[in-house]
Amino acid sequence: MKHRTLLQILTFASVALFVGVQSMDVDARGRGGGARGMGGGGGGFARSGPARGGSFAAHSAPRAAPRGYGGQAGRPDRVGSRQDALGDRRDDRRDYRDDVRGDRQDYRDHVRDDRRDYYDDRYDRWDDWGRGAAVVAGAAIVGSAISAAAYDDLDCTTVVVDGVSYSRCGGTWYRPAYSGGDVTYVVVDPPPGY
């Protein structure tokens, strides 16, 4: 309780001292001396300066507010710099979006090229395998397929059984089929009766 009362007294004394110093400063400024001339001049204004002739306008030019301290003088600079910053941010966002679009397009092109390379390699291997399978006529596996180019290299005869066309190439039987829009020939079991 004693500490609380002591703290209140110190706080009140500090506030009173502060208010007293401020009022002395205001009083000194009212006499024209400001804080530096506390004992001088007993009127409203100092004897020298613009008030001596009776008018502030007659002896002093209007002063512009310092830039950056509010008022109208600093406003156009602030507005201009703010617009420049917004324009820079807008340009940065536009550049970023363009970069992202370019990266996406590069990625799509890369994926498309890889896919084409994969299918070209696969087709080349399939074509090579088909030619090799044609050479080993009796060893073809049912369900395996050869390309039309490999089939053209074979010596085959066409046999129709129950309205279904078969191709007999040595000891291997083929039926035409489609794979990805291309004609291929799939190894099948011999038709009934052969």
N, C-alpha and C. Protein backbone atom coordinates (compact mmCIF):
# COMPACT_ATOMS: atom_id res chain seq x y z
N MET A 1 0.83 -1.20 0.00
CA MET A 1 0.00 0.00 0.00
C MET A 1 0.87 1.25 0.00
N LYS A 2 1.96 1.23 0.78
CA LYS A 2 2.85 2.38 0.84
C LYS A 2 3.55 2.59 -0.50
N HIS A 3 3.92 1.48 -1.15
CA HIS A 3 4.58 1.59 -2.45
C HIS A 3 3.64 2.18 -3.50
N ARG A 4 2.38 1.80 -3.39
CA ARG A 4 1.40 2.31 -4.36
C ARG A 4 1.21 3.81 -4.19
N THR A 5 1.13 4.28 -2.97
CA THR A 5 0.95 5.70 -2.71
C THR A 5 2.18 6.48 -3.16
N LEU A 6 3.36 5.95 -2.91
CA LEU A 6 4.59 6.60 -3.33
C LEU A 6 4.65 6.70 -4.86
N LEU A 7 4.25 5.65 -5.52
CA LEU A 7 4.23 5.64 -6.98
C LEU A 7 3.24 6.68 -7.52
N GLN A 8 2.09 6.80 -6.91
CA GLN A 8 1.11 7.80 -7.33
C GLN A 8 1.65 9.22 -7.13
N ILE A 9 2.33 9.46 -6.03
CA ILE A 9 2.88 10.78 -5.76
C ILE A 9 3.95 11.13 -6.79
N LEU A 10 4.84 10.17 -7.10
CA LEU A 10 5.89 10.42 -8.09
C LEU A 10 5.29 10.68 -9.47
N THR A 11 4.28 9.94 -9.83
CA THR A 11 3.63 10.14 -11.12
C THR A 11 2.99 11.52 -11.20
N PHE A 12 2.27 11.92 -10.16
CA PHE A 12 1.63 13.23 -10.13
C PHE A 12 2.68 14.34 -10.21
N ALA A 13 3.80 14.19 -9.51
CA ALA A 13 4.84 15.22 -9.52
C ALA A 13 5.47 15.33 -10.91
N SER A 14 5.67 14.20 -11.56
CA SER A 14 6.26 14.22 -12.91
C SER A 14 5.34 14.93 -13.89
N VAL A 15 4.05 14.65 -13.82
CA VAL A 15 3.08 15.29 -14.72
C VAL A 15 3.02 16.79 -14.43
N ALA A 16 3.01 17.17 -13.20
CA ALA A 16 2.93 18.59 -12.84
C ALA A 16 4.17 19.33 -13.32
N LEU A 17 5.34 18.73 -13.17
CA LEU A 17 6.57 19.35 -13.64
C LEU A 17 6.54 19.53 -15.15
N PHE A 18 6.10 18.52 -15.87
CA PHE A 18 6.02 18.59 -17.32
C PHE A 18 5.06 19.70 -17.78
N VAL A 19 3.89 19.77 -17.19
CA VAL A 19 2.91 20.80 -17.54
C VAL A 19 3.45 22.17 -17.22
N GLY A 20 4.14 22.33 -16.11
CA GLY A 20 4.71 23.62 -15.74
C GLY A 20 5.76 24.09 -16.73
N VAL A 21 6.63 23.20 -17.16
CA VAL A 21 7.66 23.56 -18.13
C VAL A 21 7.02 23.95 -19.45
N GLN A 22 6.01 23.24 -19.87
CA GLN A 22 5.33 23.54 -21.12
C GLN A 22 4.64 24.90 -21.07
N SER A 23 4.01 25.22 -19.97
CA SER A 23 3.32 26.52 -19.87
C SER A 23 4.33 27.66 -19.84
N MET A 24 5.49 27.48 -19.23
CA MET A 24 6.51 28.53 -19.25
C MET A 24 7.02 28.73 -20.68
N ASP A 25 7.18 27.66 -21.42
CA ASP A 25 7.65 27.76 -22.79
C ASP A 25 6.62 28.50 -23.65
N VAL A 26 5.34 28.19 -23.49
CA VAL A 26 4.29 28.87 -24.25
C VAL A 26 4.24 30.34 -23.89
N ASP A 27 4.38 30.65 -22.61
CA ASP A 27 4.36 32.05 -22.17
C ASP A 27 5.54 32.82 -22.76
N ALA A 28 6.71 32.22 -22.78
CA ALA A 28 7.89 32.88 -23.32
C ALA A 28 7.74 33.10 -24.82
N ARG A 29 7.15 32.17 -25.51
CA ARG A 29 6.95 32.34 -26.95
C ARG A 29 5.93 33.45 -27.24
N GLY A 30 4.95 33.57 -26.39
CA GLY A 30 3.94 34.61 -26.57
C GLY A 30 4.54 36.00 -26.46
N ARG A 31 5.62 36.20 -25.72
CA ARG A 31 6.27 37.49 -25.60
C ARG A 31 7.28 37.72 -26.71
N GLY A 32 7.46 36.71 -27.59
CA GLY A 32 8.36 36.90 -28.73
C GLY A 32 9.74 36.39 -28.50
N GLY A 33 10.05 35.91 -27.35
CA GLY A 33 11.41 35.47 -27.09
C GLY A 33 11.60 33.99 -27.31
N GLY A 34 10.54 33.21 -27.33
CA GLY A 34 10.68 31.77 -27.45
C GLY A 34 11.38 31.23 -26.23
N ALA A 35 11.90 30.08 -26.32
CA ALA A 35 12.57 29.45 -25.19
C ALA A 35 13.90 30.13 -24.91
N ARG A 36 14.50 30.78 -25.91
CA ARG A 36 15.80 31.40 -25.70
C ARG A 36 15.69 32.80 -25.12
N GLY A 37 14.52 33.46 -25.21
CA GLY A 37 14.41 34.83 -24.71
C GLY A 37 13.43 34.93 -23.60
N MET A 38 13.55 34.16 -22.57
CA MET A 38 12.53 34.10 -21.54
C MET A 38 12.42 35.39 -20.76
N GLY A 39 13.43 36.16 -20.73
CA GLY A 39 13.33 37.37 -19.92
C GLY A 39 13.11 38.62 -20.75
N GLY A 40 12.99 38.55 -22.05
CA GLY A 40 12.99 39.78 -22.84
C GLY A 40 11.64 40.17 -23.35
N GLY A 41 11.54 41.31 -23.92
CA GLY A 41 10.46 41.92 -24.69
C GLY A 41 9.11 41.88 -24.04
N GLY A 42 8.47 42.85 -23.78
CA GLY A 42 7.18 42.82 -23.14
C GLY A 42 6.06 43.03 -24.10
N GLY A 43 5.99 42.82 -25.29
CA GLY A 43 4.84 42.98 -26.17
C GLY A 43 4.45 41.65 -26.72
N GLY A 44 3.90 41.67 -27.89
CA GLY A 44 3.50 40.41 -28.50
C GLY A 44 4.56 39.88 -29.42
N PHE A 45 5.38 40.77 -30.03
CA PHE A 45 6.33 40.29 -31.02
C PHE A 45 7.70 40.89 -30.76
N ALA A 46 8.67 40.28 -31.37
CA ALA A 46 10.03 40.80 -31.22
C ALA A 46 10.15 42.10 -32.00
N ARG A 47 11.12 42.95 -31.63
CA ARG A 47 11.29 44.24 -32.26
C ARG A 47 11.95 44.13 -33.62
N SER A 48 12.57 43.03 -33.90
CA SER A 48 13.16 42.85 -35.23
C SER A 48 12.41 41.74 -35.94
N GLY A 49 12.52 41.69 -37.25
CA GLY A 49 11.86 40.63 -38.00
C GLY A 49 10.70 41.16 -38.80
N PRO A 50 9.94 40.32 -39.36
CA PRO A 50 8.88 40.73 -40.26
C PRO A 50 7.75 41.51 -39.59
N ALA A 51 7.52 41.31 -38.30
CA ALA A 51 6.42 42.00 -37.64
C ALA A 51 6.73 43.46 -37.37
N ARG A 52 7.96 43.89 -37.50
CA ARG A 52 8.36 45.25 -37.20
C ARG A 52 7.60 46.25 -38.07
N GLY A 53 7.39 45.93 -39.36
CA GLY A 53 6.74 46.87 -40.25
C GLY A 53 5.23 46.78 -40.22
N GLY A 54 4.67 45.88 -39.46
CA GLY A 54 3.23 45.82 -39.34
C GLY A 54 2.59 44.74 -40.19
N SER A 55 3.32 44.14 -41.06
CA SER A 55 2.70 43.12 -41.90
C SER A 55 3.71 42.04 -42.22
N PHE A 56 3.29 40.84 -42.11
CA PHE A 56 4.17 39.73 -42.47
C PHE A 56 4.35 39.67 -43.98
N ALA A 57 3.31 39.96 -44.75
CA ALA A 57 3.34 39.82 -46.20
C ALA A 57 4.29 40.82 -46.85
N ALA A 58 4.49 41.97 -46.26
CA ALA A 58 5.31 42.99 -46.88
C ALA A 58 6.79 42.62 -46.88
N HIS A 59 7.22 41.84 -45.95
CA HIS A 59 8.65 41.59 -45.80
C HIS A 59 9.07 40.15 -46.01
N SER A 60 8.17 39.26 -46.15
CA SER A 60 8.58 37.86 -46.28
C SER A 60 7.84 37.21 -47.44
N ALA A 61 8.54 36.35 -48.12
CA ALA A 61 7.93 35.58 -49.21
C ALA A 61 7.28 34.35 -48.61
N PRO A 62 6.23 33.89 -49.24
CA PRO A 62 5.57 32.68 -48.70
C PRO A 62 6.51 31.49 -48.78
N ARG A 63 6.53 30.74 -47.73
CA ARG A 63 7.42 29.58 -47.70
C ARG A 63 6.65 28.33 -48.07
N ALA A 64 7.25 27.51 -48.91
CA ALA A 64 6.63 26.23 -49.27
C ALA A 64 6.91 25.23 -48.17
N ALA A 65 5.99 24.35 -47.99
CA ALA A 65 6.19 23.31 -46.99
C ALA A 65 7.32 22.39 -47.44
N PRO A 66 8.14 21.97 -46.53
CA PRO A 66 9.25 21.08 -46.92
C PRO A 66 8.70 19.79 -47.53
N ARG A 67 9.42 19.29 -48.48
CA ARG A 67 8.96 18.07 -49.15
C ARG A 67 9.04 16.89 -48.19
N GLY A 68 8.01 16.07 -48.28
CA GLY A 68 8.00 14.87 -47.45
C GLY A 68 7.40 15.09 -46.08
N TYR A 69 6.94 16.32 -45.75
CA TYR A 69 6.35 16.58 -44.45
C TYR A 69 4.87 16.89 -44.56
N GLY A 70 4.17 16.26 -45.45
CA GLY A 70 2.75 16.50 -45.59
C GLY A 70 2.49 17.78 -46.35
N GLY A 71 1.28 18.21 -46.34
CA GLY A 71 0.93 19.42 -47.07
C GLY A 71 0.87 19.15 -48.57
N GLN A 72 0.61 20.18 -49.33
CA GLN A 72 0.45 20.03 -50.76
C GLN A 72 1.77 19.99 -51.51
N ALA A 73 2.83 20.56 -50.94
CA ALA A 73 4.10 20.65 -51.68
C ALA A 73 4.70 19.27 -51.91
N GLY A 74 4.61 18.35 -50.96
CA GLY A 74 5.20 17.04 -51.12
C GLY A 74 4.29 16.03 -51.79
N ARG A 75 3.04 16.38 -51.97
CA ARG A 75 2.04 15.44 -52.48
C ARG A 75 2.33 14.95 -53.90
N PRO A 76 2.64 15.81 -54.85
CA PRO A 76 2.88 15.28 -56.20
C PRO A 76 4.05 14.30 -56.25
N ASP A 77 5.09 14.54 -55.45
CA ASP A 77 6.22 13.61 -55.42
C ASP A 77 5.80 12.27 -54.85
N ARG A 78 5.01 12.31 -53.79
CA ARG A 78 4.56 11.05 -53.19
C ARG A 78 3.67 10.29 -54.14
N VAL A 79 2.75 11.00 -54.79
CA VAL A 79 1.84 10.34 -55.74
C VAL A 79 2.64 9.76 -56.89
N GLY A 80 3.57 10.51 -57.41
CA GLY A 80 4.40 10.01 -58.51
C GLY A 80 5.21 8.79 -58.13
N SER A 81 5.83 8.84 -56.93
CA SER A 81 6.65 7.70 -56.52
C SER A 81 5.77 6.49 -56.23
N ARG A 82 4.56 6.72 -55.71
CA ARG A 82 3.64 5.61 -55.46
C ARG A 82 3.21 4.98 -56.78
N GLN A 83 2.92 5.82 -57.77
CA GLN A 83 2.54 5.30 -59.09
C GLN A 83 3.69 4.56 -59.74
N ASP A 84 4.91 5.06 -59.57
CA ASP A 84 6.08 4.35 -60.11
C ASP A 84 6.22 2.98 -59.45
N ALA A 85 6.03 2.94 -58.13
CA ALA A 85 6.15 1.65 -57.43
C ALA A 85 5.07 0.69 -57.89
N LEU A 86 3.83 1.19 -58.05
CA LEU A 86 2.75 0.32 -58.55
C LEU A 86 3.05 -0.17 -59.96
N GLY A 87 3.56 0.72 -60.80
CA GLY A 87 3.92 0.33 -62.16
C GLY A 87 5.02 -0.72 -62.17
N ASP A 88 6.02 -0.55 -61.28
CA ASP A 88 7.10 -1.54 -61.20
C ASP A 88 6.56 -2.89 -60.75
N ARG A 89 5.67 -2.88 -59.75
CA ARG A 89 5.10 -4.15 -59.29
C ARG A 89 4.28 -4.81 -60.38
N ARG A 90 3.50 -3.99 -61.12
CA ARG A 90 2.69 -4.52 -62.22
C ARG A 90 3.60 -5.14 -63.29
N ASP A 91 4.69 -4.45 -63.62
CA ASP A 91 5.63 -4.99 -64.60
C ASP A 91 6.27 -6.29 -64.11
N ASP A 92 6.61 -6.33 -62.81
CA ASP A 92 7.21 -7.55 -62.25
C ASP A 92 6.23 -8.71 -62.32
N ARG A 93 4.96 -8.47 -61.99
CA ARG A 93 3.96 -9.54 -62.07
C ARG A 93 3.79 -10.01 -63.50
N ARG A 94 3.75 -9.06 -64.45
CA ARG A 94 3.59 -9.42 -65.86
C ARG A 94 4.79 -10.25 -66.33
N ASP A 95 6.01 -9.84 -65.95
CA ASP A 95 7.20 -10.61 -66.32
C ASP A 95 7.16 -12.00 -65.72
N TYR A 96 6.72 -12.09 -64.46
CA TYR A 96 6.64 -13.40 -63.80
C TYR A 96 5.64 -14.31 -64.52
N ARG A 97 4.46 -13.74 -64.86
CA ARG A 97 3.45 -14.55 -65.57
C ARG A 97 3.98 -15.00 -66.92
N ASP A 98 4.69 -14.11 -67.64
CA ASP A 98 5.26 -14.49 -68.93
C ASP A 98 6.29 -15.60 -68.77
N ASP A 99 7.11 -15.50 -67.72
CA ASP A 99 8.11 -16.55 -67.47
C ASP A 99 7.43 -17.89 -67.18
N VAL A 100 6.37 -17.85 -66.36
CA VAL A 100 5.67 -19.08 -66.02
C VAL A 100 5.03 -19.69 -67.27
N ARG A 101 4.40 -18.83 -68.09
CA ARG A 101 3.81 -19.34 -69.34
C ARG A 101 4.87 -19.97 -70.23
N GLY A 102 6.01 -19.30 -70.36
CA GLY A 102 7.10 -19.84 -71.18
C GLY A 102 7.60 -21.17 -70.64
N ASP A 103 7.74 -21.27 -69.31
CA ASP A 103 8.19 -22.52 -68.71
C ASP A 103 7.18 -23.64 -68.96
N ARG A 104 5.88 -23.32 -68.83
CA ARG A 104 4.86 -24.35 -69.08
C ARG A 104 4.90 -24.81 -70.53
N GLN A 105 5.03 -23.85 -71.45
CA GLN A 105 5.07 -24.23 -72.86
C GLN A 105 6.31 -25.07 -73.17
N ASP A 106 7.46 -24.70 -72.59
CA ASP A 106 8.68 -25.50 -72.77
C ASP A 106 8.48 -26.90 -72.24
N TYR A 107 7.82 -27.02 -71.07
CA TYR A 107 7.57 -28.33 -70.49
C TYR A 107 6.68 -29.16 -71.40
N ARG A 108 5.60 -28.54 -71.91
CA ARG A 108 4.70 -29.28 -72.83
C ARG A 108 5.44 -29.74 -74.07
N ASP A 109 6.25 -28.85 -74.64
CA ASP A 109 7.02 -29.23 -75.83
C ASP A 109 7.97 -30.38 -75.52
N HIS A 110 8.61 -30.31 -74.36
CA HIS A 110 9.54 -31.36 -73.97
C HIS A 110 8.81 -32.70 -73.81
N VAL A 111 7.65 -32.68 -73.15
CA VAL A 111 6.88 -33.91 -72.95
C VAL A 111 6.43 -34.47 -74.30
N ARG A 112 5.94 -33.58 -75.18
CA ARG A 112 5.49 -34.04 -76.49
C ARG A 112 6.64 -34.66 -77.28
N ASP A 113 7.82 -34.03 -77.25
CA ASP A 113 8.98 -34.58 -77.96
C ASP A 113 9.40 -35.93 -77.36
N ASP A 114 9.39 -36.02 -76.03
CA ASP A 114 9.74 -37.29 -75.40
C ASP A 114 8.75 -38.39 -75.79
N ARG A 115 7.46 -38.04 -75.82
CA ARG A 115 6.44 -39.02 -76.20
C ARG A 115 6.64 -39.47 -77.64
N ARG A 116 6.93 -38.54 -78.53
CA ARG A 116 7.19 -38.91 -79.93
C ARG A 116 8.42 -39.81 -80.05
N ASP A 117 9.48 -39.44 -79.34
CA ASP A 117 10.69 -40.26 -79.37
C ASP A 117 10.41 -41.67 -78.84
N TYR A 118 9.63 -41.75 -77.76
CA TYR A 118 9.30 -43.05 -77.17
C TYR A 118 8.56 -43.91 -78.19
N TYR A 119 7.53 -43.36 -78.82
CA TYR A 119 6.74 -44.15 -79.77
C TYR A 119 7.53 -44.46 -81.04
N ASP A 120 8.38 -43.53 -81.47
CA ASP A 120 9.23 -43.83 -82.63
C ASP A 120 10.18 -44.98 -82.32
N ASP A 121 10.81 -44.94 -81.14
CA ASP A 121 11.70 -46.02 -80.75
C ASP A 121 10.94 -47.34 -80.60
N ARG A 122 9.78 -47.25 -80.01
CA ARG A 122 8.97 -48.47 -79.81
C ARG A 122 8.56 -49.05 -81.16
N TYR A 123 8.15 -48.19 -82.08
CA TYR A 123 7.73 -48.66 -83.39
C TYR A 123 8.92 -49.28 -84.12
N ASP A 124 10.10 -48.63 -84.02
CA ASP A 124 11.29 -49.18 -84.68
C ASP A 124 11.63 -50.55 -84.11
N ARG A 125 11.56 -50.71 -82.79
CA ARG A 125 11.84 -52.02 -82.19
C ARG A 125 10.80 -53.04 -82.60
N TRP A 126 9.55 -52.60 -82.65
CA TRP A 126 8.45 -53.50 -83.02
C TRP A 126 8.63 -53.94 -84.47
N ASP A 127 8.99 -52.95 -85.30
CA ASP A 127 9.21 -53.26 -86.71
C ASP A 127 10.38 -54.23 -86.86
N ASP A 128 11.47 -53.97 -86.12
CA ASP A 128 12.61 -54.88 -86.18
C ASP A 128 12.24 -56.26 -85.65
N TRP A 129 11.47 -56.29 -84.58
CA TRP A 129 11.05 -57.57 -84.01
C TRP A 129 10.17 -58.31 -85.00
N GLY A 130 9.27 -57.56 -85.68
CA GLY A 130 8.38 -58.19 -86.67
C GLY A 130 9.17 -58.80 -87.80
N ARG A 131 10.18 -58.14 -88.27
CA ARG A 131 11.02 -58.69 -89.34
C ARG A 131 11.77 -59.92 -88.84
N GLY A 132 12.25 -59.84 -87.61
CA GLY A 132 12.94 -61.00 -87.06
C GLY A 132 12.01 -62.16 -86.86
N ALA A 133 10.77 -61.88 -86.46
CA ALA A 133 9.80 -62.95 -86.25
C ALA A 133 9.43 -63.60 -87.57
N ALA A 134 9.44 -62.81 -88.64
CA ALA A 134 9.11 -63.38 -89.95
C ALA A 134 10.19 -64.35 -90.40
N VAL A 135 11.41 -64.06 -90.01
CA VAL A 135 12.50 -64.96 -90.40
C VAL A 135 12.38 -66.28 -89.66
N VAL A 136 12.02 -66.22 -88.37
CA VAL A 136 11.83 -67.43 -87.58
C VAL A 136 10.35 -67.75 -87.66
N ALA A 137 9.93 -68.35 -88.73
CA ALA A 137 8.51 -68.52 -89.01
C ALA A 137 7.81 -69.42 -88.01
N GLY A 138 8.41 -70.51 -87.65
CA GLY A 138 7.72 -71.46 -86.80
C GLY A 138 7.71 -71.08 -85.34
N ALA A 139 8.47 -70.10 -84.92
CA ALA A 139 8.61 -69.79 -83.51
C ALA A 139 7.76 -68.61 -83.07
N ALA A 140 6.81 -68.14 -83.89
CA ALA A 140 5.98 -66.98 -83.54
C ALA A 140 5.04 -67.34 -82.40
N ILE A 141 4.81 -66.37 -81.52
CA ILE A 141 3.96 -66.57 -80.35
C ILE A 141 2.57 -66.04 -80.66
N VAL A 142 1.55 -66.81 -80.31
CA VAL A 142 0.17 -66.40 -80.53
C VAL A 142 -0.10 -65.13 -79.74
N GLY A 143 -0.66 -64.12 -80.42
CA GLY A 143 -0.96 -62.83 -79.80
C GLY A 143 0.08 -61.78 -80.12
N SER A 144 1.25 -62.19 -80.61
CA SER A 144 2.25 -61.21 -80.99
C SER A 144 1.86 -60.62 -82.34
N ALA A 145 2.40 -59.45 -82.65
CA ALA A 145 1.99 -58.76 -83.88
C ALA A 145 3.23 -58.30 -84.63
N ILE A 146 3.03 -58.13 -85.95
CA ILE A 146 4.08 -57.55 -86.79
C ILE A 146 3.48 -56.41 -87.58
N SER A 147 4.33 -55.54 -88.06
CA SER A 147 3.86 -54.38 -88.81
C SER A 147 3.50 -54.78 -90.24
N ALA A 148 2.81 -53.91 -90.93
CA ALA A 148 2.44 -54.16 -92.32
C ALA A 148 3.68 -54.27 -93.20
N ALA A 149 4.71 -53.50 -92.89
CA ALA A 149 5.95 -53.56 -93.67
C ALA A 149 6.61 -54.93 -93.52
N ALA A 150 6.62 -55.46 -92.29
CA ALA A 150 7.19 -56.79 -92.07
C ALA A 150 6.35 -57.86 -92.75
N TYR A 151 5.04 -57.68 -92.73
CA TYR A 151 4.14 -58.64 -93.38
C TYR A 151 4.37 -58.66 -94.89
N ASP A 152 4.62 -57.49 -95.48
CA ASP A 152 4.83 -57.41 -96.93
C ASP A 152 6.09 -58.17 -97.36
N ASP A 153 7.05 -58.31 -96.45
CA ASP A 153 8.28 -59.03 -96.77
C ASP A 153 8.09 -60.55 -96.75
N LEU A 154 6.99 -61.00 -96.18
CA LEU A 154 6.74 -62.45 -96.07
C LEU A 154 6.07 -62.98 -97.35
N ASP A 155 6.21 -64.28 -97.53
CA ASP A 155 5.53 -64.97 -98.64
C ASP A 155 4.30 -65.65 -98.05
N CYS A 156 3.12 -65.04 -98.20
CA CYS A 156 1.91 -65.50 -97.52
C CYS A 156 0.81 -65.82 -98.54
N THR A 157 -0.08 -66.71 -98.14
CA THR A 157 -1.28 -67.00 -98.93
C THR A 157 -2.49 -66.69 -98.06
N THR A 158 -3.56 -66.20 -98.66
CA THR A 158 -4.77 -65.85 -97.92
C THR A 158 -5.72 -67.03 -97.95
N VAL A 159 -6.27 -67.36 -96.77
CA VAL A 159 -7.22 -68.45 -96.62
C VAL A 159 -8.45 -67.88 -95.93
N VAL A 160 -9.66 -68.14 -96.49
CA VAL A 160 -10.91 -67.66 -95.89
C VAL A 160 -11.63 -68.86 -95.29
N VAL A 161 -11.92 -68.81 -94.00
CA VAL A 161 -12.61 -69.87 -93.29
C VAL A 161 -13.80 -69.26 -92.58
N ASP A 162 -15.02 -69.72 -92.92
CA ASP A 162 -16.27 -69.20 -92.32
C ASP A 162 -16.35 -67.68 -92.45
N GLY A 163 -15.91 -67.11 -93.54
CA GLY A 163 -16.00 -65.67 -93.81
C GLY A 163 -14.90 -64.85 -93.15
N VAL A 164 -13.95 -65.50 -92.51
CA VAL A 164 -12.87 -64.80 -91.83
C VAL A 164 -11.59 -65.03 -92.63
N SER A 165 -10.84 -63.92 -92.91
CA SER A 165 -9.61 -64.02 -93.68
C SER A 165 -8.43 -64.31 -92.76
N TYR A 166 -7.62 -65.28 -93.14
CA TYR A 166 -6.38 -65.63 -92.45
C TYR A 166 -5.27 -65.56 -93.47
N SER A 167 -4.08 -65.30 -92.99
CA SER A 167 -2.91 -65.34 -93.86
C SER A 167 -1.99 -66.43 -93.34
N ARG A 168 -1.59 -67.32 -94.26
CA ARG A 168 -0.68 -68.40 -93.88
C ARG A 168 0.69 -68.05 -94.44
N CYS A 169 1.64 -67.86 -93.55
CA CYS A 169 3.00 -67.50 -93.94
C CYS A 169 3.91 -68.59 -93.38
N GLY A 170 4.26 -69.55 -94.19
CA GLY A 170 5.03 -70.70 -93.72
C GLY A 170 4.17 -71.49 -92.77
N GLY A 171 4.61 -71.66 -91.53
CA GLY A 171 3.83 -72.40 -90.55
C GLY A 171 3.09 -71.48 -89.59
N THR A 172 3.09 -70.18 -89.82
CA THR A 172 2.46 -69.20 -88.91
C THR A 172 1.23 -68.62 -89.58
N TRP A 173 0.17 -68.45 -88.77
CA TRP A 173 -1.09 -67.89 -89.25
C TRP A 173 -1.25 -66.47 -88.67
N TYR A 174 -1.72 -65.55 -89.53
CA TYR A 174 -1.92 -64.15 -89.13
C TYR A 174 -3.33 -63.71 -89.46
N ARG A 175 -3.82 -62.72 -88.68
CA ARG A 175 -5.07 -62.04 -89.02
C ARG A 175 -4.80 -60.56 -88.96
N PRO A 176 -5.36 -59.78 -89.92
CA PRO A 176 -5.14 -58.33 -89.88
C PRO A 176 -5.87 -57.72 -88.68
N ALA A 177 -5.25 -56.67 -88.11
CA ALA A 177 -5.85 -55.93 -86.98
C ALA A 177 -5.37 -54.48 -87.07
N TYR A 178 -6.00 -53.63 -86.28
CA TYR A 178 -5.61 -52.22 -86.25
C TYR A 178 -4.98 -51.89 -84.91
N SER A 179 -3.90 -51.11 -84.98
CA SER A 179 -3.24 -50.64 -83.77
C SER A 179 -2.87 -49.18 -83.98
N GLY A 180 -3.55 -48.29 -83.28
CA GLY A 180 -3.26 -46.85 -83.41
C GLY A 180 -3.53 -46.33 -84.81
N GLY A 181 -4.49 -46.88 -85.50
CA GLY A 181 -4.84 -46.41 -86.85
C GLY A 181 -4.00 -47.07 -87.94
N ASP A 182 -3.04 -47.93 -87.58
CA ASP A 182 -2.21 -48.61 -88.56
C ASP A 182 -2.62 -50.09 -88.62
N VAL A 183 -2.46 -50.68 -89.80
CA VAL A 183 -2.76 -52.11 -89.97
C VAL A 183 -1.56 -52.90 -89.46
N THR A 184 -1.86 -53.88 -88.62
CA THR A 184 -0.84 -54.82 -88.15
C THR A 184 -1.36 -56.23 -88.39
N TYR A 185 -0.51 -57.20 -88.21
CA TYR A 185 -0.89 -58.60 -88.39
C TYR A 185 -0.54 -59.33 -87.11
N VAL A 186 -1.58 -59.96 -86.52
CA VAL A 186 -1.45 -60.63 -85.24
C VAL A 186 -1.36 -62.13 -85.47
N VAL A 187 -0.44 -62.78 -84.76
CA VAL A 187 -0.29 -64.23 -84.85
C VAL A 187 -1.46 -64.89 -84.15
N VAL A 188 -2.12 -65.83 -84.83
CA VAL A 188 -3.28 -66.53 -84.28
C VAL A 188 -3.08 -68.05 -84.42
N ASP A 189 -3.93 -68.79 -83.74
CA ASP A 189 -3.94 -70.25 -83.90
C ASP A 189 -4.48 -70.58 -85.30
N PRO A 190 -4.10 -71.68 -85.85
CA PRO A 190 -4.65 -72.06 -87.16
C PRO A 190 -6.17 -72.18 -87.10
N PRO A 191 -6.85 -71.85 -88.19
CA PRO A 191 -8.32 -71.99 -88.20
C PRO A 191 -8.72 -73.46 -88.10
N PRO A 192 -9.97 -73.74 -87.73
CA PRO A 192 -10.41 -75.13 -87.61
C PRO A 192 -10.23 -75.87 -88.94
N GLY A 193 -9.68 -77.03 -88.86
CA GLY A 193 -9.49 -77.85 -90.06
C GLY A 193 -8.13 -77.70 -90.67
N TYR A 194 -7.25 -76.87 -90.15
CA TYR A 194 -5.90 -76.69 -90.73
C TYR A 194 -4.84 -77.08 -89.72
